[in-house]
Amino acid sequence: MISYIEYIPETTFNKEKWRTETASRYKMRNDIIDNQILKLKNKSEVVTLLGNPSNSVNDNQWIYDLGISSAGFGLQFHSLQITFKNNVVAKVKKFVITD
């Protein structure tokens, strides 16, 4: 049996790094969620802060790709899902898919 310890470095949200270091955005995800950086922001304010989403499920659910990190012998694909209600952020959730 093989096991590993996952370590994902964290850093505080920085708008410039978010826009220029797109492959390591996952390091800022906990700060965005824990400190409620997007709380009560409307869609326009989110775009100003984070840029356009990487994808959208619909007009009220946006997804931002946060980059890829290693996970033992595989990879982890990180994303941030933002759900809007009445044009205002209602929920921010992180997703990790391990390959």
N, C-alpha and C. Protein backbone atom coordinates (compact mmCIF):
# COMPACT_ATOMS: atom_id res chain seq x y z
N MET A 1 0.84 -1.18 0.00
CA MET A 1 0.00 0.00 0.00
C MET A 1 0.89 1.24 0.00
N ILE A 2 0.56 2.16 -0.86
CA ILE A 2 1.31 3.41 -0.99
C ILE A 2 0.41 4.54 -0.55
N SER A 3 0.97 5.40 0.28
CA SER A 3 0.22 6.59 0.68
C SER A 3 1.12 7.80 0.54
N TYR A 4 0.53 8.94 0.52
CA TYR A 4 1.29 10.18 0.41
C TYR A 4 0.57 11.26 1.20
N ILE A 5 1.33 12.25 1.55
CA ILE A 5 0.77 13.40 2.24
C ILE A 5 0.65 14.53 1.23
N GLU A 6 -0.52 15.08 1.13
CA GLU A 6 -0.75 16.17 0.21
C GLU A 6 -0.37 17.49 0.87
N TYR A 7 0.44 18.25 0.19
CA TYR A 7 0.79 19.58 0.68
C TYR A 7 0.51 20.58 -0.43
N ILE A 8 -0.36 21.50 -0.17
CA ILE A 8 -0.65 22.56 -1.12
C ILE A 8 -0.29 23.87 -0.46
N PRO A 9 0.74 24.52 -0.98
CA PRO A 9 1.14 25.80 -0.39
C PRO A 9 0.02 26.83 -0.55
N GLU A 10 -0.11 27.69 0.43
CA GLU A 10 -1.14 28.72 0.38
C GLU A 10 -0.52 30.10 0.44
N THR A 11 -1.20 31.03 -0.14
CA THR A 11 -0.77 32.42 -0.10
C THR A 11 -2.02 33.29 -0.11
N THR A 12 -1.87 34.54 0.25
CA THR A 12 -3.00 35.45 0.25
C THR A 12 -3.33 35.87 -1.19
N PHE A 13 -4.57 36.25 -1.37
CA PHE A 13 -5.01 36.67 -2.71
C PHE A 13 -4.28 37.93 -3.12
N ASN A 14 -3.80 37.93 -4.36
CA ASN A 14 -3.13 39.09 -4.94
C ASN A 14 -3.63 39.21 -6.38
N LYS A 15 -4.31 40.29 -6.68
CA LYS A 15 -4.94 40.48 -7.99
C LYS A 15 -3.94 40.36 -9.13
N GLU A 16 -2.78 40.94 -8.99
CA GLU A 16 -1.78 40.89 -10.07
C GLU A 16 -1.25 39.48 -10.29
N LYS A 17 -0.94 38.77 -9.20
CA LYS A 17 -0.48 37.39 -9.33
C LYS A 17 -1.59 36.50 -9.89
N TRP A 18 -2.83 36.74 -9.49
CA TRP A 18 -3.97 35.98 -10.00
C TRP A 18 -4.02 36.07 -11.52
N ARG A 19 -3.79 37.27 -12.03
CA ARG A 19 -3.89 37.48 -13.48
C ARG A 19 -2.65 37.03 -14.25
N THR A 20 -1.48 37.05 -13.61
CA THR A 20 -0.25 36.70 -14.33
C THR A 20 0.25 35.29 -14.06
N GLU A 21 -0.02 34.76 -12.89
CA GLU A 21 0.46 33.42 -12.53
C GLU A 21 -0.72 32.45 -12.48
N THR A 22 -1.37 32.30 -13.61
CA THR A 22 -2.62 31.52 -13.66
C THR A 22 -2.43 30.05 -13.30
N ALA A 23 -1.25 29.50 -13.50
CA ALA A 23 -1.01 28.08 -13.20
C ALA A 23 -0.93 27.80 -11.70
N SER A 24 -0.79 28.84 -10.90
CA SER A 24 -0.68 28.61 -9.44
C SER A 24 -1.76 29.37 -8.66
N ARG A 25 -2.86 29.65 -9.29
CA ARG A 25 -3.97 30.32 -8.61
C ARG A 25 -4.50 29.50 -7.43
N TYR A 26 -4.36 28.18 -7.52
CA TYR A 26 -4.90 27.31 -6.46
C TYR A 26 -4.32 27.66 -5.09
N LYS A 27 -3.17 28.29 -5.06
CA LYS A 27 -2.55 28.67 -3.79
C LYS A 27 -3.34 29.78 -3.08
N MET A 28 -4.17 30.51 -3.84
CA MET A 28 -4.93 31.63 -3.29
C MET A 28 -6.38 31.27 -2.97
N ARG A 29 -6.80 30.07 -3.33
CA ARG A 29 -8.23 29.71 -3.21
C ARG A 29 -8.75 29.76 -1.79
N ASN A 30 -7.98 29.26 -0.83
CA ASN A 30 -8.47 29.26 0.55
C ASN A 30 -8.61 30.68 1.10
N ASP A 31 -7.72 31.57 0.71
CA ASP A 31 -7.83 32.96 1.16
C ASP A 31 -9.11 33.59 0.61
N ILE A 32 -9.40 33.32 -0.66
CA ILE A 32 -10.62 33.86 -1.28
C ILE A 32 -11.85 33.37 -0.54
N ILE A 33 -11.87 32.08 -0.20
CA ILE A 33 -13.03 31.49 0.46
C ILE A 33 -13.08 31.86 1.94
N ASP A 34 -11.99 31.62 2.66
CA ASP A 34 -11.97 31.84 4.11
C ASP A 34 -12.20 33.29 4.50
N ASN A 35 -11.66 34.21 3.71
CA ASN A 35 -11.80 35.64 4.04
C ASN A 35 -12.93 36.31 3.27
N GLN A 36 -13.73 35.50 2.61
CA GLN A 36 -14.93 35.97 1.91
C GLN A 36 -14.66 37.19 1.03
N ILE A 37 -13.60 37.09 0.25
CA ILE A 37 -13.19 38.20 -0.61
C ILE A 37 -14.27 38.56 -1.64
N LEU A 38 -15.06 37.57 -2.04
CA LEU A 38 -16.08 37.83 -3.05
C LEU A 38 -17.47 38.10 -2.48
N LYS A 39 -17.58 38.10 -1.17
CA LYS A 39 -18.87 38.26 -0.51
C LYS A 39 -19.57 39.55 -0.96
N LEU A 40 -20.82 39.40 -1.37
CA LEU A 40 -21.69 40.50 -1.78
C LEU A 40 -21.22 41.25 -3.02
N LYS A 41 -20.29 40.69 -3.76
CA LYS A 41 -19.84 41.32 -5.00
C LYS A 41 -20.79 40.92 -6.13
N ASN A 42 -21.03 41.86 -7.04
CA ASN A 42 -21.85 41.53 -8.20
C ASN A 42 -20.95 40.99 -9.31
N LYS A 43 -21.54 40.56 -10.40
CA LYS A 43 -20.79 39.93 -11.49
C LYS A 43 -19.72 40.86 -12.05
N SER A 44 -20.05 42.10 -12.21
CA SER A 44 -19.11 43.08 -12.74
C SER A 44 -17.89 43.23 -11.81
N GLU A 45 -18.13 43.27 -10.52
CA GLU A 45 -17.05 43.39 -9.55
C GLU A 45 -16.17 42.14 -9.53
N VAL A 46 -16.78 40.96 -9.71
CA VAL A 46 -16.01 39.72 -9.76
C VAL A 46 -15.10 39.72 -10.99
N VAL A 47 -15.64 40.14 -12.13
CA VAL A 47 -14.83 40.21 -13.35
C VAL A 47 -13.69 41.21 -13.18
N THR A 48 -13.95 42.33 -12.55
CA THR A 48 -12.90 43.32 -12.30
C THR A 48 -11.80 42.73 -11.43
N LEU A 49 -12.16 41.94 -10.46
CA LEU A 49 -11.19 41.36 -9.53
C LEU A 49 -10.49 40.13 -10.10
N LEU A 50 -11.27 39.20 -10.68
CA LEU A 50 -10.71 37.91 -11.12
C LEU A 50 -10.56 37.75 -12.63
N GLY A 51 -11.13 38.66 -13.40
CA GLY A 51 -11.14 38.50 -14.84
C GLY A 51 -12.34 37.65 -15.24
N ASN A 52 -12.42 37.35 -16.52
CA ASN A 52 -13.53 36.54 -17.01
C ASN A 52 -13.36 35.10 -16.57
N PRO A 53 -14.47 34.40 -16.33
CA PRO A 53 -14.37 33.00 -15.91
C PRO A 53 -13.79 32.13 -17.03
N SER A 54 -13.20 31.01 -16.65
CA SER A 54 -12.68 30.05 -17.62
C SER A 54 -13.81 29.34 -18.32
N ASN A 55 -14.91 29.17 -17.60
CA ASN A 55 -16.05 28.43 -18.10
C ASN A 55 -17.28 28.87 -17.31
N SER A 56 -18.44 28.56 -17.82
CA SER A 56 -19.65 28.82 -17.05
C SER A 56 -20.65 27.71 -17.33
N VAL A 57 -21.28 27.24 -16.28
CA VAL A 57 -22.31 26.23 -16.41
C VAL A 57 -23.56 26.90 -16.96
N ASN A 58 -23.84 28.07 -16.44
CA ASN A 58 -24.93 28.93 -16.91
C ASN A 58 -24.58 30.35 -16.47
N ASP A 59 -25.48 31.26 -16.68
CA ASP A 59 -25.20 32.67 -16.36
C ASP A 59 -24.98 32.91 -14.87
N ASN A 60 -25.45 32.00 -14.03
CA ASN A 60 -25.32 32.18 -12.58
C ASN A 60 -24.32 31.25 -11.92
N GLN A 61 -23.54 30.54 -12.71
CA GLN A 61 -22.53 29.64 -12.14
C GLN A 61 -21.27 29.70 -13.00
N TRP A 62 -20.25 30.33 -12.45
CA TRP A 62 -19.00 30.51 -13.17
C TRP A 62 -17.92 29.62 -12.58
N ILE A 63 -16.98 29.22 -13.43
CA ILE A 63 -15.87 28.38 -13.00
C ILE A 63 -14.55 29.02 -13.44
N TYR A 64 -13.63 29.08 -12.49
CA TYR A 64 -12.28 29.59 -12.76
C TYR A 64 -11.29 28.44 -12.61
N ASP A 65 -10.47 28.21 -13.64
CA ASP A 65 -9.40 27.23 -13.53
C ASP A 65 -8.31 27.81 -12.64
N LEU A 66 -7.83 26.99 -11.70
CA LEU A 66 -6.84 27.48 -10.74
C LEU A 66 -5.46 26.87 -10.94
N GLY A 67 -5.32 25.96 -11.87
CA GLY A 67 -4.01 25.36 -12.12
C GLY A 67 -3.98 23.90 -11.73
N ILE A 68 -2.79 23.31 -11.91
CA ILE A 68 -2.58 21.88 -11.66
C ILE A 68 -1.43 21.73 -10.68
N SER A 69 -1.60 20.80 -9.74
CA SER A 69 -0.51 20.49 -8.81
C SER A 69 -0.29 18.98 -8.82
N SER A 70 0.85 18.57 -8.29
CA SER A 70 1.12 17.13 -8.22
C SER A 70 0.46 16.55 -6.97
N ALA A 71 0.12 15.25 -7.07
CA ALA A 71 -0.53 14.56 -5.96
C ALA A 71 -0.01 13.13 -5.96
N GLY A 72 1.04 12.88 -5.19
CA GLY A 72 1.63 11.55 -5.19
C GLY A 72 2.16 11.23 -6.57
N PHE A 73 1.60 10.22 -7.21
CA PHE A 73 2.02 9.83 -8.55
C PHE A 73 1.10 10.40 -9.63
N GLY A 74 0.18 11.24 -9.24
CA GLY A 74 -0.78 11.80 -10.19
C GLY A 74 -0.80 13.32 -10.15
N LEU A 75 -1.88 13.85 -10.67
CA LEU A 75 -2.06 15.29 -10.74
C LEU A 75 -3.39 15.68 -10.12
N GLN A 76 -3.46 16.92 -9.67
CA GLN A 76 -4.72 17.47 -9.17
C GLN A 76 -5.05 18.70 -10.01
N PHE A 77 -6.29 18.75 -10.46
CA PHE A 77 -6.80 19.86 -11.25
C PHE A 77 -7.71 20.68 -10.33
N HIS A 78 -7.36 21.93 -10.13
CA HIS A 78 -8.06 22.79 -9.18
C HIS A 78 -8.98 23.77 -9.91
N SER A 79 -10.15 24.01 -9.33
CA SER A 79 -11.05 25.03 -9.89
C SER A 79 -11.85 25.67 -8.76
N LEU A 80 -12.39 26.82 -9.08
CA LEU A 80 -13.21 27.59 -8.14
C LEU A 80 -14.56 27.82 -8.81
N GLN A 81 -15.62 27.48 -8.13
CA GLN A 81 -16.96 27.66 -8.66
C GLN A 81 -17.66 28.77 -7.89
N ILE A 82 -18.17 29.73 -8.63
CA ILE A 82 -18.87 30.86 -8.03
C ILE A 82 -20.33 30.81 -8.48
N THR A 83 -21.23 30.82 -7.52
CA THR A 83 -22.66 30.80 -7.81
C THR A 83 -23.25 32.16 -7.43
N PHE A 84 -24.02 32.71 -8.35
CA PHE A 84 -24.66 34.01 -8.13
C PHE A 84 -26.16 33.83 -7.91
N LYS A 85 -26.71 34.70 -7.09
CA LYS A 85 -28.15 34.78 -6.91
C LYS A 85 -28.51 36.26 -6.98
N ASN A 86 -29.42 36.61 -7.87
CA ASN A 86 -29.80 38.01 -8.09
C ASN A 86 -28.57 38.88 -8.40
N ASN A 87 -27.67 38.33 -9.23
CA ASN A 87 -26.48 39.04 -9.71
C ASN A 87 -25.41 39.26 -8.63
N VAL A 88 -25.56 38.64 -7.45
CA VAL A 88 -24.60 38.81 -6.35
C VAL A 88 -24.06 37.44 -5.96
N VAL A 89 -22.77 37.39 -5.58
CA VAL A 89 -22.16 36.12 -5.18
C VAL A 89 -22.93 35.52 -4.01
N ALA A 90 -23.38 34.28 -4.19
CA ALA A 90 -24.12 33.58 -3.15
C ALA A 90 -23.27 32.47 -2.53
N LYS A 91 -22.33 31.92 -3.33
CA LYS A 91 -21.55 30.79 -2.85
C LYS A 91 -20.25 30.70 -3.64
N VAL A 92 -19.17 30.37 -2.93
CA VAL A 92 -17.87 30.14 -3.55
C VAL A 92 -17.38 28.79 -3.05
N LYS A 93 -17.03 27.92 -3.99
CA LYS A 93 -16.67 26.56 -3.63
C LYS A 93 -15.44 26.13 -4.43
N LYS A 94 -14.53 25.42 -3.77
CA LYS A 94 -13.36 24.91 -4.48
C LYS A 94 -13.59 23.46 -4.87
N PHE A 95 -13.01 23.07 -6.00
CA PHE A 95 -13.08 21.71 -6.50
C PHE A 95 -11.70 21.21 -6.82
N VAL A 96 -11.46 19.96 -6.54
CA VAL A 96 -10.19 19.32 -6.88
C VAL A 96 -10.51 17.98 -7.53
N ILE A 97 -9.98 17.75 -8.71
CA ILE A 97 -10.10 16.47 -9.38
C ILE A 97 -8.72 15.85 -9.40
N THR A 98 -8.60 14.65 -8.83
CA THR A 98 -7.31 13.96 -8.78
C THR A 98 -7.26 12.92 -9.89
N ASP A 99 -6.17 12.95 -10.63
CA ASP A 99 -5.97 12.00 -11.72
C ASP A 99 -4.96 10.95 -11.30
